[in-house]
Protein backbone atom coordinates (compact mmCIF):
# COMPACT_ATOMS: atom_id res chain seq x y z
CA UNK A 1 14.42 -3.79 -28.46
CA UNK A 2 14.07 -7.49 -27.60
CA UNK A 3 16.84 -9.54 -29.16
CA UNK A 4 17.08 -13.23 -29.97
CA UNK A 5 19.36 -13.75 -26.96
CA UNK A 6 16.75 -12.45 -24.52
CA UNK A 7 14.06 -15.00 -23.52
CA UNK A 8 10.64 -13.53 -24.16
CA UNK A 9 6.94 -14.25 -23.75
CA UNK A 10 3.71 -13.11 -25.41
CA UNK A 11 0.99 -11.95 -23.03
CA UNK A 12 -2.63 -10.80 -22.96
CA UNK A 13 -3.56 -7.43 -21.48
CA UNK A 14 -2.06 -7.36 -17.95
CA UNK A 15 -5.17 -5.63 -16.56
CA UNK A 16 -8.25 -7.12 -18.22
CA UNK A 17 -6.84 -10.27 -19.83
CA UNK A 18 -8.14 -9.49 -23.32
CA UNK A 19 -6.11 -10.63 -26.32
CA UNK A 20 -7.72 -8.06 -28.64
CA UNK A 21 -5.15 -5.32 -29.22
CA UNK A 22 -3.95 -2.89 -31.85
CA UNK A 23 -0.29 -2.15 -32.59
CA UNK A 24 0.55 1.46 -31.66
CA UNK A 25 4.35 1.56 -32.11
CA UNK A 26 6.64 -0.26 -34.53
CA UNK A 27 9.94 -0.35 -32.61
CA UNK A 28 8.57 -3.25 -30.54
CA UNK A 29 5.32 -5.16 -30.05
CA UNK A 30 3.68 -2.26 -28.17
CA UNK A 31 -0.10 -2.53 -28.41
CA UNK A 32 -3.25 -0.96 -27.01
CA UNK A 33 -5.92 -3.18 -25.51
CA UNK A 34 -9.20 -2.80 -27.37
CA UNK A 35 -11.24 -3.51 -24.23
CA UNK A 36 -9.62 -1.35 -21.49
CA UNK A 37 -7.29 0.90 -23.55
CA UNK A 38 -4.15 -0.16 -21.66
CA UNK A 39 -0.98 0.25 -23.74
CA UNK A 40 1.46 -2.57 -23.03
CA UNK A 41 4.42 -4.55 -24.35
CA UNK A 42 2.78 -7.70 -25.72
CA UNK A 43 6.02 -9.55 -26.59
CA UNK A 44 8.32 -8.86 -23.67
CA UNK A 45 11.35 -10.21 -21.80
CA UNK A 46 10.50 -12.86 -19.24
CA UNK A 47 10.81 -11.84 -15.59
CA UNK A 48 13.97 -13.91 -15.08
CA UNK A 49 15.61 -12.20 -18.06
CA UNK A 50 14.51 -8.81 -16.76
CA UNK A 51 16.18 -9.48 -13.41
CA UNK A 52 19.50 -9.98 -15.19
CA UNK A 53 19.03 -6.75 -17.15
CA UNK A 54 18.51 -4.81 -13.94
CA UNK A 55 21.90 -5.86 -12.63
CA UNK A 56 23.40 -3.31 -15.06
CA UNK A 57 21.35 -0.42 -13.69
CA UNK A 58 24.08 0.74 -11.28
CA UNK A 59 26.96 0.96 -13.79
CA UNK A 60 28.83 4.24 -14.26
CA UNK A 61 26.88 5.32 -17.32
CA UNK A 62 23.50 4.93 -15.60
CA UNK A 63 21.45 7.58 -13.81
CA UNK A 64 21.36 5.02 -10.96
CA UNK A 65 25.16 5.00 -10.60
CA UNK A 66 26.22 4.51 -7.01
CA UNK A 67 27.43 7.72 -5.32
CA UNK A 68 31.10 8.00 -4.41
CA UNK A 69 30.91 10.58 -1.64
CA UNK A 70 28.53 11.74 1.09
CA UNK A 71 28.21 15.00 -0.83
CA UNK A 72 26.81 13.10 -3.82
CA UNK A 73 24.37 11.32 -1.53
CA UNK A 74 23.15 14.61 -0.08
CA UNK A 75 22.86 16.57 -3.33
CA UNK A 76 21.59 14.08 -5.90
CA UNK A 77 18.24 14.80 -7.56
CA UNK A 78 17.34 11.19 -6.77
CA UNK A 79 16.45 12.32 -3.24
CA UNK A 80 13.29 13.76 -4.83
CA UNK A 81 12.91 16.44 -2.15
CA UNK A 82 10.13 18.25 -3.99
CA UNK A 83 8.18 15.03 -4.49
CA UNK A 84 8.59 14.04 -0.83
CA UNK A 85 7.41 17.49 0.26
CA UNK A 86 4.34 17.10 -1.92
CA UNK A 87 3.55 13.71 -0.35
CA UNK A 88 3.72 15.37 3.07
CA UNK A 89 0.73 17.49 2.10
CA UNK A 90 -1.31 14.29 2.50
CA UNK A 91 0.31 12.39 5.41
CA UNK A 92 2.10 13.08 8.67
CA UNK A 93 5.82 12.13 8.73
CA UNK A 94 5.52 8.97 10.80
CA UNK A 95 5.40 5.24 10.30
CA UNK A 96 6.98 3.23 7.48
CA UNK A 97 7.65 4.62 4.02
CA UNK A 98 8.18 1.74 1.58
CA UNK A 99 9.84 2.67 -1.71
CA UNK A 100 9.45 -0.04 -4.36
CA UNK A 101 12.30 0.12 -6.87
CA UNK A 102 14.27 2.30 -4.48
CA UNK A 103 17.62 2.15 -6.30
CA UNK A 104 20.49 2.74 -3.89
CA UNK A 105 18.19 4.44 -1.39
CA UNK A 106 18.49 8.15 -2.14
CA UNK A 107 14.81 8.98 -1.58
CA UNK A 108 14.62 6.68 1.42
CA UNK A 109 17.54 8.55 2.99
CA UNK A 110 15.53 11.74 2.40
CA UNK A 111 12.29 10.43 3.94
CA UNK A 112 14.23 9.18 6.96
CA UNK A 113 15.43 12.74 7.53
CA UNK A 114 11.77 13.85 7.42
CA UNK A 115 10.66 11.45 10.18
CA UNK A 116 9.67 8.22 8.43
CA UNK A 117 11.03 4.72 9.00
CA UNK A 118 12.49 3.79 5.60
CA UNK A 119 12.17 0.43 3.91
CA UNK A 120 12.90 -0.52 0.31
CA UNK A 121 12.57 -3.16 -2.39
CA UNK A 122 15.05 -3.24 -5.27
CA UNK A 123 16.12 -5.79 -7.90
CA UNK A 124 19.60 -4.39 -8.63
CA UNK A 125 21.90 -6.21 -6.23
CA UNK A 126 24.60 -3.52 -6.11
CA UNK A 127 21.99 -0.92 -5.14
CA UNK A 128 20.61 -3.18 -2.41
CA UNK A 129 24.09 -3.64 -0.94
CA UNK A 130 24.76 0.10 -0.96
CA UNK A 131 21.46 0.97 0.72
CA UNK A 132 21.81 -1.63 3.43
CA UNK A 133 25.54 -1.46 4.16
CA UNK A 134 26.35 2.21 3.51
CA UNK A 135 23.07 3.97 4.32
CA UNK A 136 21.82 1.49 6.90
CA UNK A 137 18.39 1.21 5.25
CA UNK A 138 16.70 -2.22 5.06
CA UNK A 139 16.16 -3.09 1.40
CA UNK A 140 15.02 -6.44 0.06
CA UNK A 141 16.34 -7.89 -3.19
CA UNK A 142 13.00 -9.34 -4.25
CA UNK A 143 9.89 -8.72 -6.24
CA UNK A 144 7.23 -6.87 -4.25
CA UNK A 145 4.69 -9.61 -4.99
CA UNK A 146 7.04 -12.15 -3.39
CA UNK A 147 7.78 -9.99 -0.34
CA UNK A 148 6.54 -10.85 3.14
CA UNK A 149 5.67 -7.34 4.28
CA UNK A 150 2.60 -7.71 6.52
CA UNK A 151 -0.70 -6.12 5.47
CA UNK A 152 -1.70 -2.69 6.80
CA UNK A 153 1.80 -1.74 7.98
CA UNK A 154 2.97 1.12 5.72
CA UNK A 155 2.02 4.79 5.92
CA UNK A 156 3.39 5.55 2.44
CA UNK A 157 4.28 3.34 -0.52
CA UNK A 158 6.04 4.99 -3.45
CA UNK A 159 6.99 3.94 -6.96
CA UNK A 160 9.04 6.52 -8.84
CA UNK A 161 9.38 5.40 -12.46
CA UNK A 162 8.69 1.82 -11.39
CA UNK A 163 5.03 0.99 -12.10
CA UNK A 164 5.71 0.92 -15.84
CA UNK A 165 8.37 -1.78 -15.27
CA UNK A 166 6.15 -4.29 -13.47
CA UNK A 167 5.03 -7.45 -15.28
CA UNK A 168 1.96 -7.93 -13.04
CA UNK A 169 0.68 -4.41 -12.37
CA UNK A 170 -2.91 -5.26 -11.42
CA UNK A 171 -1.79 -7.72 -8.75
CA UNK A 172 0.84 -5.25 -7.55
CA UNK A 173 -1.67 -2.43 -7.12
CA UNK A 174 -3.94 -4.70 -5.10
CA UNK A 175 -1.05 -5.68 -2.84
CA UNK A 176 0.00 -2.04 -2.43
CA UNK A 177 -3.54 -1.28 -1.28
CA UNK A 178 -3.48 -4.17 1.18
CA UNK A 179 -0.04 -3.22 2.56
CA UNK A 180 -1.01 0.38 3.37
CA UNK A 181 -2.64 1.37 6.64
CA UNK A 182 -6.13 2.84 6.44
CA UNK A 183 -5.68 6.37 5.09
CA UNK A 184 -2.20 5.53 3.82
CA UNK A 185 -0.75 7.11 0.70
CA UNK A 186 0.34 5.55 -2.58
CA UNK A 187 2.36 7.96 -4.69
CA UNK A 188 4.53 7.75 -7.76
CA UNK A 189 5.69 8.95 -11.15
CA UNK A 190 5.25 7.23 -14.53
CA UNK A 191 5.95 8.31 -18.12
CA UNK A 192 2.93 9.73 -19.92
CA UNK A 193 2.19 7.86 -23.15
CA UNK A 194 -0.21 10.65 -24.05
CA UNK A 195 2.51 13.31 -23.86
CA UNK A 196 3.36 15.79 -26.59
CA UNK A 197 6.81 14.27 -27.18
CA UNK A 198 5.36 10.76 -27.31
CA UNK A 199 3.04 11.92 -30.08
CA UNK A 200 5.76 13.79 -31.98
CA UNK A 201 8.62 11.32 -31.63
CA UNK A 202 6.69 8.03 -31.79
CA UNK A 203 9.35 5.28 -31.85
CA UNK A 204 12.02 7.83 -30.92
CA UNK A 205 10.38 8.81 -27.62
CA UNK A 206 12.94 8.28 -24.85
CA UNK A 207 10.42 6.90 -22.34
CA UNK A 208 9.30 4.14 -24.72
CA UNK A 209 12.21 1.98 -23.49
CA UNK A 210 10.84 -1.32 -24.87
CA UNK A 211 13.15 -3.63 -22.92
CA UNK A 212 12.10 -2.29 -19.53
CA UNK A 213 8.70 -0.60 -19.83
CA UNK A 214 5.99 -3.25 -19.76
CA UNK A 215 2.99 -0.90 -19.46
CA UNK A 216 2.51 2.66 -20.75
CA UNK A 217 0.03 4.84 -18.85
CA UNK A 218 -1.98 7.93 -19.68
CA UNK A 219 -3.68 10.09 -17.03
CA UNK A 220 -7.00 8.46 -17.94
CA UNK A 221 -5.87 4.82 -17.81
CA UNK A 222 -3.79 5.35 -14.66
CA UNK A 223 -6.73 6.95 -12.84
CA UNK A 224 -8.91 4.01 -13.88
CA UNK A 225 -6.39 1.40 -12.73
CA UNK A 226 -5.96 3.12 -9.35
CA UNK A 227 -9.72 3.24 -8.84
CA UNK A 228 -10.07 -0.44 -9.74
CA UNK A 229 -7.51 -1.27 -7.03
CA UNK A 230 -9.54 0.63 -4.43
CA UNK A 231 -7.67 3.95 -4.28
CA UNK A 232 -9.14 7.43 -4.00
CA UNK A 233 -7.16 9.85 -6.14
CA UNK A 234 -5.99 12.91 -4.22
CA UNK A 235 -3.93 14.57 -6.95
CA UNK A 236 -2.69 13.81 -10.44
CA UNK A 237 -0.95 16.08 -12.92
CA UNK A 238 1.59 16.00 -15.74
CA UNK A 239 4.93 17.76 -15.98
CA UNK A 240 8.16 17.71 -18.00
CA UNK A 241 9.86 16.18 -14.96
CA UNK A 242 12.94 14.06 -15.58
CA UNK A 243 12.69 14.61 -19.32
CA UNK A 244 13.71 18.24 -18.77
CA UNK A 245 11.64 21.25 -19.74
CA UNK A 246 14.25 22.51 -22.22
CA UNK A 247 13.94 19.36 -24.34
CA UNK A 248 10.18 19.75 -24.50
CA UNK A 249 10.45 23.47 -25.24
CA UNK A 250 12.73 22.68 -28.18
CA UNK A 251 10.12 20.28 -29.59
CA UNK A 252 7.37 22.87 -29.17
CA UNK A 253 9.50 25.40 -31.03
CA UNK A 254 10.04 22.88 -33.83
CA UNK A 255 6.34 22.33 -34.45
CA UNK A 256 4.68 25.57 -33.39
CA UNK A 257 4.38 28.53 -35.75
CA UNK A 258 6.32 31.70 -34.85
CA UNK A 259 4.75 33.36 -31.82
CA UNK A 260 3.91 37.02 -31.32
CA UNK A 261 6.11 38.85 -28.85
CA UNK A 262 3.33 38.79 -26.27
CA UNK A 263 3.36 34.95 -26.08
CA UNK A 264 6.17 32.88 -24.62
CA UNK A 265 7.01 29.27 -25.45
CA UNK A 266 7.17 28.66 -21.69
CA UNK A 267 3.47 29.57 -21.56
CA UNK A 268 2.76 26.98 -24.25
CA UNK A 269 4.66 24.38 -22.22
CA UNK A 270 2.57 25.20 -19.16
CA UNK A 271 -0.58 24.82 -21.27
CA UNK A 272 0.62 21.44 -22.58
CA UNK A 273 1.18 20.18 -19.04
CA UNK A 274 -2.15 21.58 -17.84
CA UNK A 275 -3.82 19.71 -20.70
CA UNK A 276 -2.40 16.42 -19.41
CA UNK A 277 0.30 16.13 -22.06
CA UNK A 278 3.42 16.63 -19.98
CA UNK A 279 6.12 13.95 -20.21
CA UNK A 280 5.43 12.29 -16.90
CA UNK A 281 2.42 11.73 -14.65
CA UNK A 282 2.68 12.35 -10.90
CA UNK A 283 -0.01 10.86 -8.70
CA UNK A 284 -1.04 10.76 -5.04
CA UNK A 285 -3.78 8.33 -4.07
CA UNK A 286 -5.21 7.29 -0.73
CA UNK A 287 -6.43 4.06 0.76
CA UNK A 288 -9.84 4.63 2.28
CA UNK A 289 -10.53 7.45 4.67
CA UNK A 290 -8.33 10.46 5.43
CA UNK A 291 -6.26 10.82 8.59
């Protein structure tokens, strides 16, 4: 929650500019735009304050903690092997893979092993230093909108739990489109505001994260925003993902009536995800024509 010590600003909808919005959560000034349905943090930390917050992302209690051994580097889930393999269904492993919000470079180390030239952008200074000095991966400590990456130079651009953090998402999506080569792939993961747990937990939903999450997406609004930026959607689906399927199963058990022996709660979870109500949205979108 935004505190008095954190400089803040009040904004209009970051996609359509409308100031007409309805409050949808009470833990913070989280609203839904009446015009385009975007859910966003209307009163939010300023970008300079957010940069200072991100400097704590690599501390020992964080999921972004810096690895201590090569074994940790090789075996962390942050390498996102399954996600990288899925991206390779749409592109050949060549050219530059730019990961925006790359942390200490775990996924970039993985894509390098698959044949890509890795490049990253990251705000947390300790992560930037680790990626560049320990992994030998070029990572810039800058905002993507301020970066000088030339247009039409990247085969893949990824944002894994990053798009929801960006203060200027519409401008960012347009620059992502411009930075990709023709037929290039934009892929990522965002929390799903339309998920079952979001509906059940409301202000207690873990992905609400009102200090860091500036925009909350649903499958419908994310598909619309990608199309507006010029992308062709190749695949989008929802899953429990980082939230963990067991947590979601426990919530389903808490609200669902007792099931007959022939029905499993795991089947209900699969149905929830198929219905677009999984905890996170995974997407793969292309610029222009296919390869």
